[in-house]
Protein backbone atom coordinates (compact mmCIF):
# COMPACT_ATOMS: atom_id res chain seq x y z
CA UNK A 1 138.02 44.89 147.78
CA UNK A 2 136.53 45.17 144.38
CA UNK A 3 133.52 43.20 143.22
CA UNK A 4 133.46 42.18 139.63
CA UNK A 5 130.44 43.29 137.66
CA UNK A 6 128.02 40.58 136.71
CA UNK A 7 125.68 40.55 133.68
CA UNK A 8 122.81 38.25 133.07
CA UNK A 9 122.96 36.03 130.07
CA UNK A 10 120.58 36.97 127.35
CA UNK A 11 118.02 34.30 126.61
CA UNK A 12 115.68 35.10 123.79
CA UNK A 13 113.58 32.12 124.63
CA UNK A 14 112.81 33.56 128.02
CA UNK A 15 109.82 35.79 128.09
CA UNK A 16 110.64 39.41 128.60
CA UNK A 17 109.74 40.86 131.90
CA UNK A 18 107.10 43.54 132.01
CA UNK A 19 106.28 42.88 128.39
CA UNK A 20 102.76 43.97 129.14
CA UNK A 21 99.48 43.13 127.56
CA UNK A 22 97.93 44.32 124.35
CA UNK A 23 96.30 47.18 126.22
CA UNK A 24 99.68 48.37 127.42
CA UNK A 25 101.07 48.25 123.93
CA UNK A 26 98.05 50.13 122.57
CA UNK A 27 98.45 52.75 125.29
CA UNK A 28 102.13 53.19 124.44
CA UNK A 29 101.36 53.50 120.75
CA UNK A 30 98.68 56.12 121.44
CA UNK A 31 101.11 58.12 123.57
CA UNK A 32 103.74 57.99 120.84
CA UNK A 33 101.14 59.13 118.33
CA UNK A 34 100.04 61.93 120.61
CA UNK A 35 103.62 63.06 121.10
CA UNK A 36 104.19 63.21 117.36
CA UNK A 37 101.12 65.45 116.82
CA UNK A 38 101.48 69.27 116.69
CA UNK A 39 101.33 71.01 120.07
CA UNK A 40 98.35 73.12 119.04
CA UNK A 41 96.23 70.04 118.47
CA UNK A 42 97.24 68.52 121.80
CA UNK A 43 96.77 71.61 123.82
CA UNK A 44 93.51 72.90 122.55
CA UNK A 45 92.08 75.36 125.00
CA UNK A 46 88.56 74.11 124.55
CA UNK A 47 89.48 70.52 125.35
CA UNK A 48 91.39 71.69 128.41
CA UNK A 49 88.32 73.56 129.60
CA UNK A 50 86.16 70.48 129.19
CA UNK A 51 88.74 68.29 130.96
CA UNK A 52 88.83 70.75 133.87
CA UNK A 53 85.05 70.56 134.09
CA UNK A 54 85.23 66.74 134.13
CA UNK A 55 87.83 66.84 136.88
CA UNK A 56 85.48 68.92 139.01
CA UNK A 57 82.80 66.18 138.75
CA UNK A 58 84.67 64.08 141.34
CA UNK A 59 84.89 60.80 139.41
CA UNK A 60 86.43 57.80 141.17
CA UNK A 61 89.46 55.89 139.95
CA UNK A 62 87.35 52.89 139.01
CA UNK A 63 85.07 55.03 136.84
CA UNK A 64 88.05 56.60 135.08
CA UNK A 65 89.60 53.19 134.37
CA UNK A 66 86.35 51.89 132.96
CA UNK A 67 86.04 55.03 130.77
CA UNK A 68 89.59 54.45 129.50
CA UNK A 69 88.85 50.83 128.60
CA UNK A 70 85.58 51.82 126.91
CA UNK A 71 87.42 54.46 124.84
CA UNK A 72 90.01 51.90 123.73
CA UNK A 73 87.21 49.53 122.82
CA UNK A 74 85.63 52.17 120.57
CA UNK A 75 88.95 53.08 118.99
CA UNK A 76 89.21 56.53 120.59
CA UNK A 77 92.70 57.90 121.02
CA UNK A 78 92.58 59.40 124.56
CA UNK A 79 95.59 61.00 126.19
CA UNK A 80 94.27 60.49 129.72
CA UNK A 81 91.38 59.04 131.64
CA UNK A 82 89.60 62.41 131.69
CA UNK A 83 90.22 62.82 127.98
CA UNK A 84 88.61 59.39 127.47
CA UNK A 85 85.49 60.60 129.28
CA UNK A 86 85.46 63.73 127.11
CA UNK A 87 85.86 61.82 123.82
CA UNK A 88 83.17 59.32 124.74
CA UNK A 89 80.71 62.10 125.57
CA UNK A 90 81.50 63.88 122.33
CA UNK A 91 80.72 60.64 120.46
CA UNK A 92 77.41 60.31 122.32
CA UNK A 93 78.45 57.42 124.56
CA UNK A 94 77.81 57.53 128.28
CA UNK A 95 80.93 55.93 129.83
CA UNK A 96 79.09 55.12 133.06
CA UNK A 97 75.89 53.71 131.56
CA UNK A 98 75.14 50.17 132.71
CA UNK A 99 74.54 48.81 129.21
CA UNK A 100 77.95 49.97 128.05
CA UNK A 101 79.59 48.41 131.09
CA UNK A 102 77.80 45.11 130.48
CA UNK A 103 78.96 45.20 126.86
CA UNK A 104 82.53 45.32 128.09
CA UNK A 105 82.07 42.25 130.35
CA UNK A 106 80.31 40.22 127.64
CA UNK A 107 83.49 40.05 125.50
CA UNK A 108 86.29 38.81 127.80
CA UNK A 109 87.30 36.09 125.35
CA UNK A 110 88.56 38.32 122.61
CA UNK A 111 91.73 37.00 121.07
CA UNK A 112 94.94 38.85 120.78
CA UNK A 113 94.44 39.04 117.01
CA UNK A 114 91.24 41.02 117.47
CA UNK A 115 92.99 43.34 119.89
CA UNK A 116 95.80 43.79 117.45
CA UNK A 117 93.29 44.64 114.70
CA UNK A 118 91.93 47.46 116.81
CA UNK A 119 95.36 48.96 117.22
CA UNK A 120 96.19 50.99 114.18
CA UNK A 121 99.86 51.59 113.72
CA UNK A 122 100.61 54.73 111.78
CA UNK A 123 103.74 54.73 109.77
CA UNK A 124 105.81 57.89 109.45
CA UNK A 125 104.24 60.30 106.92
CA UNK A 126 105.81 62.96 104.76
CA UNK A 127 105.01 66.31 106.29
CA UNK A 128 105.86 69.84 105.35
CA UNK A 129 108.80 71.36 107.04
CA UNK A 130 107.98 73.67 109.86
CA UNK A 131 108.81 74.22 113.43
CA UNK A 132 105.24 73.56 114.58
CA UNK A 133 105.09 70.05 113.10
CA UNK A 134 108.23 68.81 114.78
CA UNK A 135 107.71 66.64 117.84
CA UNK A 136 108.73 68.24 121.05
CA UNK A 137 109.71 66.92 124.39
CA UNK A 138 107.15 66.05 127.02
CA UNK A 139 106.14 69.26 128.87
CA UNK A 140 105.96 69.50 132.59
CA UNK A 141 102.71 70.69 134.24
CA UNK A 142 104.23 74.13 134.88
CA UNK A 143 105.32 74.45 131.25
CA UNK A 144 101.93 73.26 130.06
CA UNK A 145 100.22 75.85 132.32
CA UNK A 146 102.44 78.63 130.98
CA UNK A 147 101.75 77.43 127.44
CA UNK A 148 97.98 77.46 128.04
CA UNK A 149 98.17 80.92 129.67
CA UNK A 150 100.06 82.18 126.62
CA UNK A 151 97.42 80.75 124.31
CA UNK A 152 94.69 82.42 126.36
CA UNK A 153 96.52 85.75 126.23
CA UNK A 154 96.92 85.44 122.46
CA UNK A 155 93.21 84.66 122.11
CA UNK A 156 92.34 87.67 124.29
CA UNK A 157 94.61 89.88 122.17
CA UNK A 158 92.94 88.59 118.98
CA UNK A 159 89.49 89.27 120.40
CA UNK A 160 90.59 92.72 121.52
CA UNK A 161 91.90 93.53 118.05
CA UNK A 162 88.64 92.35 116.49
CA UNK A 163 86.59 94.44 118.91
CA UNK A 164 88.76 97.49 118.27
CA UNK A 165 88.40 97.05 114.54
CA UNK A 166 84.63 96.68 114.92
CA UNK A 167 84.53 99.76 117.17
CA UNK A 168 86.47 101.86 114.67
CA UNK A 169 84.23 100.63 111.88
CA UNK A 170 81.10 101.64 113.78
CA UNK A 171 82.61 105.02 114.68
CA UNK A 172 83.54 105.57 111.06
CA UNK A 173 80.01 104.77 109.87
CA UNK A 174 77.99 106.49 112.58
CA UNK A 175 80.26 109.39 113.68
CA UNK A 176 83.12 110.22 111.29
CA UNK A 177 81.21 109.84 108.02
CA UNK A 178 78.21 112.03 109.11
CA UNK A 179 80.64 114.60 110.53
CA UNK A 180 82.53 114.64 107.23
CA UNK A 181 79.27 115.17 105.31
CA UNK A 182 78.25 118.03 107.62
CA UNK A 183 81.69 119.65 107.37
CA UNK A 184 81.66 119.30 103.58
CA UNK A 185 78.31 121.09 103.50
CA UNK A 186 79.48 123.95 105.70
CA UNK A 187 82.80 124.40 103.85
CA UNK A 188 81.73 123.79 100.25
CA UNK A 189 77.97 123.94 99.79
CA UNK A 190 76.45 126.39 102.31
CA UNK A 191 75.69 129.89 101.03
CA UNK A 192 77.45 132.59 103.10
CA UNK A 193 75.14 134.85 105.06
CA UNK A 194 75.99 138.43 106.05
CA UNK A 195 74.67 139.64 109.40
CA UNK A 196 74.07 143.21 110.52
CA UNK A 197 73.92 143.98 114.24
CA UNK A 198 71.89 146.75 115.83
CA UNK A 199 70.95 147.75 119.37
CA UNK A 200 68.14 149.96 120.59
CA UNK A 201 66.38 150.77 123.83
CA UNK A 202 63.00 152.13 124.89
CA UNK A 203 63.04 155.26 127.03
CA UNK A 204 60.30 156.89 129.07
CA UNK A 205 59.36 160.55 128.67
CA UNK A 206 60.38 162.91 131.50
CA UNK A 207 57.63 164.44 133.57
CA UNK A 208 56.25 164.78 137.06
CA UNK A 209 53.97 162.21 138.50
CA UNK A 210 52.97 160.37 141.56
CA UNK A 211 55.53 159.57 144.18
CA UNK A 212 55.24 155.81 143.65
CA UNK A 213 55.45 156.16 139.90
CA UNK A 214 58.60 158.21 140.27
CA UNK A 215 60.37 155.37 142.07
CA UNK A 216 60.76 153.34 138.87
CA UNK A 217 61.09 156.28 136.52
CA UNK A 218 64.40 156.36 134.70
CA UNK A 219 65.15 152.66 135.34
CA UNK A 220 65.01 149.71 132.97
CA UNK A 221 62.08 148.25 134.93
CA UNK A 222 59.84 151.13 133.90
CA UNK A 223 59.95 150.04 130.24
CA UNK A 224 60.46 146.28 130.67
CA UNK A 225 56.93 145.43 129.56
CA UNK A 226 57.18 147.60 126.45
CA UNK A 227 60.58 146.10 125.60
CA UNK A 228 59.22 142.56 125.80
CA UNK A 229 56.20 143.53 123.71
CA UNK A 230 58.48 145.06 121.07
CA UNK A 231 60.64 141.93 120.99
CA UNK A 232 57.59 139.71 120.54
CA UNK A 233 56.34 141.93 117.73
CA UNK A 234 59.64 141.79 115.83
CA UNK A 235 59.59 137.97 116.02
CA UNK A 236 55.95 137.65 114.98
CA UNK A 237 54.29 136.91 111.66
CA UNK A 238 53.00 140.48 111.58
CA UNK A 239 56.55 141.78 111.05
CA UNK A 240 57.13 139.11 108.38
CA UNK A 241 53.97 140.13 106.52
CA UNK A 242 55.03 143.78 106.58
CA UNK A 243 58.48 142.86 105.22
CA UNK A 244 56.87 140.74 102.53
CA UNK A 245 54.57 143.61 101.57
CA UNK A 246 57.30 146.28 101.53
CA UNK A 247 60.35 144.48 100.08
CA UNK A 248 59.40 140.88 99.21
CA UNK A 249 61.28 139.02 101.93
CA UNK A 250 60.48 135.51 100.67
CA UNK A 251 61.68 136.30 97.11
CA UNK A 252 65.15 137.08 98.47
CA UNK A 253 65.59 133.44 99.55
CA UNK A 254 64.01 131.90 96.44
CA UNK A 255 66.99 132.67 94.20
CA UNK A 256 68.75 129.76 92.48
CA UNK A 257 72.26 130.52 93.76
CA UNK A 258 71.24 129.87 97.39
CA UNK A 259 71.99 126.36 98.65
CA UNK A 260 69.04 123.92 98.77
CA UNK A 261 68.84 123.79 102.56
CA UNK A 262 68.46 127.57 103.00
CA UNK A 263 66.55 128.19 99.77
CA UNK A 264 62.78 128.52 99.77
CA UNK A 265 60.79 126.62 97.20
CA UNK A 266 58.92 128.70 94.57
CA UNK A 267 55.57 127.73 96.11
CA UNK A 268 56.66 128.13 99.72
CA UNK A 269 53.91 128.74 102.27
CA UNK A 270 53.81 131.40 104.95
CA UNK A 271 54.79 128.86 107.61
CA UNK A 272 57.95 127.85 105.73
CA UNK A 273 58.87 131.51 105.23
CA UNK A 274 58.25 132.18 108.92
CA UNK A 275 60.56 129.32 109.96
CA UNK A 276 63.31 130.77 107.76
CA UNK A 277 62.55 134.25 109.17
CA UNK A 278 63.00 133.00 112.74
CA UNK A 279 66.35 131.41 111.81
CA UNK A 280 67.67 134.52 110.07
CA UNK A 281 66.63 137.05 112.73
CA UNK A 282 67.92 136.86 116.30
CA UNK A 283 66.55 139.27 118.91
CA UNK A 284 67.58 139.34 122.56
CA UNK A 285 66.52 141.53 125.46
CA UNK A 286 68.82 142.15 128.43
CA UNK A 287 66.75 143.14 131.50
CA UNK A 288 69.84 144.35 133.40
CA UNK A 289 70.46 147.31 131.08
CA UNK A 290 67.18 147.39 129.12
CA UNK A 291 68.84 147.13 125.67
CA UNK A 292 67.37 145.06 122.83
CA UNK A 293 69.97 143.57 120.46
CA UNK A 294 68.96 142.46 116.99
CA UNK A 295 70.93 140.49 114.39
CA UNK A 296 69.62 140.09 110.84
CA UNK A 297 71.24 137.67 108.36
CA UNK A 298 70.75 137.81 104.59
CA UNK A 299 72.59 136.64 101.45
CA UNK A 300 73.65 140.23 100.71
CA UNK A 301 74.99 142.77 103.24
CA UNK A 302 72.96 145.65 101.79
CA UNK A 303 69.77 143.60 102.01
CA UNK A 304 70.60 142.75 105.61
CA UNK A 305 70.92 146.44 106.50
CA UNK A 306 67.67 147.26 104.66
CA UNK A 307 65.79 144.58 106.59
CA UNK A 308 67.20 145.91 109.89
CA UNK A 309 66.08 149.46 109.08
CA UNK A 310 62.62 148.25 108.16
CA UNK A 311 62.25 146.32 111.38
CA UNK A 312 63.39 149.32 113.44
CA UNK A 313 60.79 151.53 111.77
CA UNK A 314 58.10 148.91 112.38
CA UNK A 315 59.10 148.71 116.04
CA UNK A 316 58.96 152.48 116.44
CA UNK A 317 55.47 152.69 114.90
CA UNK A 318 54.24 149.84 117.02
CA UNK A 319 55.65 151.44 120.17
CA UNK A 320 54.00 154.75 119.37
CA UNK A 321 50.70 152.96 118.84
CA UNK A 322 50.97 151.19 122.16
CA UNK A 323 51.77 154.42 124.07
CA UNK A 324 48.98 156.28 122.27
CA UNK A 325 46.44 153.69 123.31
CA UNK A 326 47.60 153.98 126.90
CA UNK A 327 47.32 157.77 126.82
CA UNK A 328 43.85 157.67 125.28
CA UNK A 329 42.61 155.18 127.85
CA UNK A 330 43.84 157.32 130.72
CA UNK A 331 42.59 160.66 129.33
CA UNK A 332 39.15 159.37 128.36
CA UNK A 333 37.88 158.98 131.92
CA UNK A 334 39.41 162.27 133.04
CA UNK A 335 37.80 164.17 130.16
CA UNK A 336 34.43 162.57 130.81
CA UNK A 337 34.57 163.60 134.48
CA UNK A 338 35.60 167.16 133.61
CA UNK A 339 32.82 167.58 131.05
CA UNK A 340 30.22 166.25 133.49
CA UNK A 341 31.42 168.69 136.19
CA UNK A 342 31.16 171.58 133.74
CA UNK A 343 27.65 170.55 132.75
CA UNK A 344 26.46 170.29 136.37
CA UNK A 345 27.96 173.69 137.22
CA UNK A 346 26.21 175.25 134.25
CA UNK A 347 22.89 173.75 135.36
CA UNK A 348 23.39 175.14 138.88
CA UNK A 349 24.08 178.61 137.49
CA UNK A 350 20.94 178.47 135.33
CA UNK A 351 18.82 177.43 138.32
CA UNK A 352 20.14 180.35 140.37
CA UNK A 353 19.50 182.82 137.59
CA UNK A 354 15.98 181.45 137.08
CA UNK A 355 15.18 181.95 140.77
CA UNK A 356 16.55 185.46 140.73
CA UNK A 357 14.47 186.32 137.65
CA UNK A 358 11.39 184.73 139.15
CA UNK A 359 11.56 187.00 142.22
CA UNK A 360 12.47 190.07 140.07
CA UNK A 361 14.97 190.85 142.77
CA UNK A 362 18.62 190.28 142.90
CA UNK A 363 18.68 190.03 146.71
CA UNK A 364 15.42 189.29 148.65
CA UNK A 365 17.24 189.54 151.96
CA UNK A 366 18.04 193.21 151.38
CA UNK A 367 14.37 193.94 150.54
CA UNK A 368 13.17 192.33 153.76
CA UNK A 369 15.89 194.12 155.74
CA UNK A 370 14.87 197.50 154.25
CA UNK A 371 11.17 196.91 155.10
CA UNK A 372 12.12 196.06 158.62
CA UNK A 373 14.26 199.22 158.84
CA UNK A 374 11.39 201.41 157.60
CA UNK A 375 8.93 199.85 160.06
CA UNK A 376 11.40 200.43 162.91
CA UNK A 377 11.83 204.06 161.85
CA UNK A 378 8.03 204.64 161.73
CA UNK A 379 7.55 203.09 165.15
CA UNK A 380 10.27 205.43 166.51
CA UNK A 381 8.54 208.47 164.95
CA UNK A 382 5.17 207.40 166.36
CA UNK A 383 6.67 207.11 169.81
CA UNK A 384 8.17 210.56 169.50
CA UNK A 385 4.84 212.07 168.35
CA UNK A 386 3.05 210.37 171.19
CA UNK A 387 5.55 211.87 173.62
CA UNK A 388 5.03 215.31 172.09
CA UNK A 389 1.25 214.89 172.32
CA UNK A 390 1.53 213.85 175.96
CA UNK A 391 3.68 216.91 176.68
CA UNK A 392 1.07 219.20 175.10
CA UNK A 393 -1.78 217.60 177.02
CA UNK A 394 0.05 218.12 180.32
CA UNK A 395 -0.60 221.92 180.02
CA UNK A 396 -3.77 223.34 181.67
CA UNK A 397 -4.66 225.09 178.51
CA UNK A 398 -2.84 223.32 175.69
CA UNK A 399 -2.74 224.75 172.21
CA UNK A 400 -5.51 223.00 170.39
CA UNK A 401 -3.89 223.47 167.02
CA UNK A 402 -0.65 221.76 168.11
CA UNK A 403 -2.58 218.97 169.80
CA UNK A 404 -4.59 218.35 166.69
CA UNK A 405 -1.44 218.50 164.53
CA UNK A 406 0.31 215.93 166.78
CA UNK A 407 -2.65 213.61 166.69
CA UNK A 408 -2.86 213.93 162.93
CA UNK A 409 0.84 213.10 162.57
CA UNK A 410 0.42 210.05 164.81
CA UNK A 411 -2.54 208.86 162.75
CA UNK A 412 -0.63 209.24 159.48
CA UNK A 413 2.40 207.43 160.84
CA UNK A 414 0.25 204.56 162.10
CA UNK A 415 -1.41 204.30 158.69
CA UNK A 416 1.98 204.07 156.98
CA UNK A 417 3.08 201.51 159.60
CA UNK A 418 0.05 199.38 158.87
CA UNK A 419 0.81 199.45 155.15
CA UNK A 420 4.43 198.46 155.70
CA UNK A 421 3.34 195.70 158.10
CA UNK A 422 0.88 194.43 155.53
CA UNK A 423 3.57 194.48 152.83
CA UNK A 424 5.92 192.65 155.22
CA UNK A 425 3.28 190.01 155.80
CA UNK A 426 2.78 189.59 152.04
CA UNK A 427 6.54 189.15 151.54
CA UNK A 428 7.02 186.57 154.32
CA UNK A 429 3.90 184.45 153.74
CA UNK A 430 2.73 182.22 150.82
CA UNK A 431 4.44 180.03 148.27
CA UNK A 432 5.90 182.97 146.42
CA UNK A 433 7.08 184.84 149.46
CA UNK A 434 10.44 186.47 149.51
CA UNK A 435 11.51 184.31 152.44
CA UNK A 436 10.89 181.06 150.54
CA UNK A 437 12.47 182.53 147.43
CA UNK A 438 15.45 183.62 149.51
CA UNK A 439 15.89 180.08 150.86
CA UNK A 440 15.72 178.60 147.36
CA UNK A 441 18.28 181.10 146.17
CA UNK A 442 20.56 180.23 149.08
CA UNK A 443 20.25 176.53 148.23
CA UNK A 444 21.01 177.27 144.58
CA UNK A 445 24.03 179.31 145.59
CA UNK A 446 25.30 176.46 147.82
CA UNK A 447 24.79 174.01 144.96
CA UNK A 448 26.71 176.34 142.68
CA UNK A 449 29.58 176.52 145.16
CA UNK A 450 29.68 172.71 145.36
CA UNK A 451 29.67 172.42 141.58
CA UNK A 452 32.51 174.93 141.43
CA UNK A 453 34.55 172.78 143.80
CA UNK A 454 33.77 169.65 141.78
CA UNK A 455 34.79 171.43 138.61
CA UNK A 456 38.08 172.48 140.15
CA UNK A 457 38.71 168.89 141.31
CA UNK A 458 37.94 167.57 137.83
CA UNK A 459 40.27 170.11 136.28
CA UNK A 460 43.05 169.13 138.70
CA UNK A 461 42.48 165.43 138.02
CA UNK A 462 42.55 166.04 134.29
CA UNK A 463 45.84 167.87 134.56
CA UNK A 464 47.28 165.08 136.68
CA UNK A 465 46.06 162.50 134.18
CA UNK A 466 47.53 164.47 131.31
CA UNK A 467 50.84 164.56 133.12
CA UNK A 468 50.70 160.81 133.73
CA UNK A 469 49.74 160.25 130.12
CA UNK A 470 52.71 162.29 128.99
CA UNK A 471 54.89 160.11 131.17
CA UNK A 472 53.51 157.06 129.33
CA UNK A 473 55.05 158.25 126.09
CA UNK A 474 57.85 155.88 124.98
CA UNK A 475 60.70 156.72 122.68
CA UNK A 476 62.72 154.18 120.71
CA UNK A 477 66.35 155.27 120.61
CA UNK A 478 68.79 153.38 118.38
CA UNK A 479 72.19 153.19 120.05
CA UNK A 480 73.87 151.01 117.37
CA UNK A 481 72.90 151.49 113.74
CA UNK A 482 73.19 148.49 111.35
CA UNK A 483 76.32 148.54 109.18
CA UNK A 484 76.96 146.33 106.09
CA UNK A 485 79.29 143.43 106.82
CA UNK A 486 82.32 142.90 104.58
CA UNK A 487 82.86 139.24 105.49
CA UNK A 488 80.28 136.47 105.80
CA UNK A 489 79.09 135.83 109.33
CA UNK A 490 77.45 132.47 108.74
CA UNK A 491 77.99 129.58 108.58
CA UNK A 492 80.55 129.18 111.33
CA UNK A 493 82.32 126.30 109.64
CA UNK A 494 84.68 125.02 112.30
CA UNK A 495 82.33 125.51 115.24
CA UNK A 496 79.41 123.86 113.46
CA UNK A 497 81.56 120.90 112.39
CA UNK A 498 82.82 120.34 115.94
CA UNK A 499 79.27 120.65 117.23
CA UNK A 500 78.07 118.06 114.71
CA UNK A 501 80.88 115.70 115.76
CA UNK A 502 79.97 116.03 119.43
CA UNK A 503 76.30 115.54 118.60
CA UNK A 504 76.86 112.36 116.58
CA UNK A 505 79.31 111.03 119.18
CA UNK A 506 76.78 111.64 121.95
CA UNK A 507 74.01 109.89 120.03
CA UNK A 508 76.28 106.91 119.30
CA UNK A 509 77.36 106.71 122.94
CA UNK A 510 73.76 106.84 124.12
CA UNK A 511 72.68 104.10 121.72
CA UNK A 512 75.68 101.93 122.63
CA UNK A 513 75.01 102.23 126.36
CA UNK A 514 71.33 101.44 125.84
CA UNK A 515 72.15 98.39 123.71
CA UNK A 516 74.70 97.08 126.21
CA UNK A 517 72.25 97.51 129.11
CA UNK A 518 69.51 95.71 127.19
CA UNK A 519 71.93 92.93 126.21
CA UNK A 520 72.98 92.54 129.83
CA UNK A 521 69.36 92.38 130.95
CA UNK A 522 68.45 89.79 128.33
CA UNK A 523 71.49 87.61 129.04
CA UNK A 524 70.86 87.71 132.79
């Protein structure tokens, strides 16, 4: 069974259903106007951010409706309730203030004509052709989200490009431009310098010595102190003054064809010349092998070799002076001790000779021994005569002549014995006796023996000291002689340019990190 379709009869007198009020018509007109606007104006990222912030405030539906009505009252074209709140706040109107709400209730009797006057109907305008000005269809929330994400990505890309351009500009100003200037100087402006290399070492003289001193002999540690002293001398102002006196070192670098950075001014002081001298001369000492390496740079290769030869001669003279001072200091004490031992021995010999002359005898002990021998011999003879006399007297009628002769012999021998005894007493007694003189001579002889031993010790010590002093002699041996260079050694163009680039880049990086840290601290 089919039902026939029915249609209501049109009656223009009858009021249309859902015709709506003036507010509904104004809302519809505002939506049409919003739809006809470009998408970029409707989807501004900033307004979206503010609307999201308003949504997070937790406003009620009644508050949003009141804000929408207040925006319509003030002629604000809001796309939504939240947009109405945003537009009112931008205009300086608090949508939830009590005075504003009372102002809305005080005018309920507005006529429809007044409401119509507030609604501004825009007629179609002539616009330039372009895809962005054409009205588009209403976007879904997902499409709007994708559109906003795309706009954010484009803004991030624009900011990234601006930051990259700013970064390259800063690098060009603070890194690339200074590096270019430095490289231009090294490649085009800097005067080439010719370097001459030489190597020499300090050797110790061969010779015997103490056992401990022989442990380090022949090694690089035996001459380490002299090598360091020689290096310090070659880098000192003393060497510069000698070069200035002998060959006019400062005048070499005052010539007009030398670049301004390496050239000395005509009225340059000693300090300025010394700074240039330290830059042009490089000396290094290697303790492992004991070799001193020297490099001298000059505008001319022949001048460089001449300066190297001069410095080597100065070093040799200085080394000889140092070793000579050491030898003199060591030999001075040994010589003084030897001379004093000789003087004391000579005094002991003179004392002994004086004592021997004073006694007029070379050996008092022999004189005393001879006197004692003579006395003993006389006593023996007297005993024999007495025995002979006793044998003669034992006879009943002894021979008177023999008895008298024996007695006379005994008397003469006793007289001689008394004289010798008296002489012996004179020799052994008194201040000038032979016994006292003999003791003094013995003491003088002992003193002479001691002085002889001291003299021998002093002589041995002097010989040992002389040997040690000979071992202190240092010899400067040149293992590599300076040779004129055929190509310039300095400046090292590429290496110096790369070093300048790394230096400027490091300074820029350090300043950038410091600035970012300070900015972060201030912002926090």
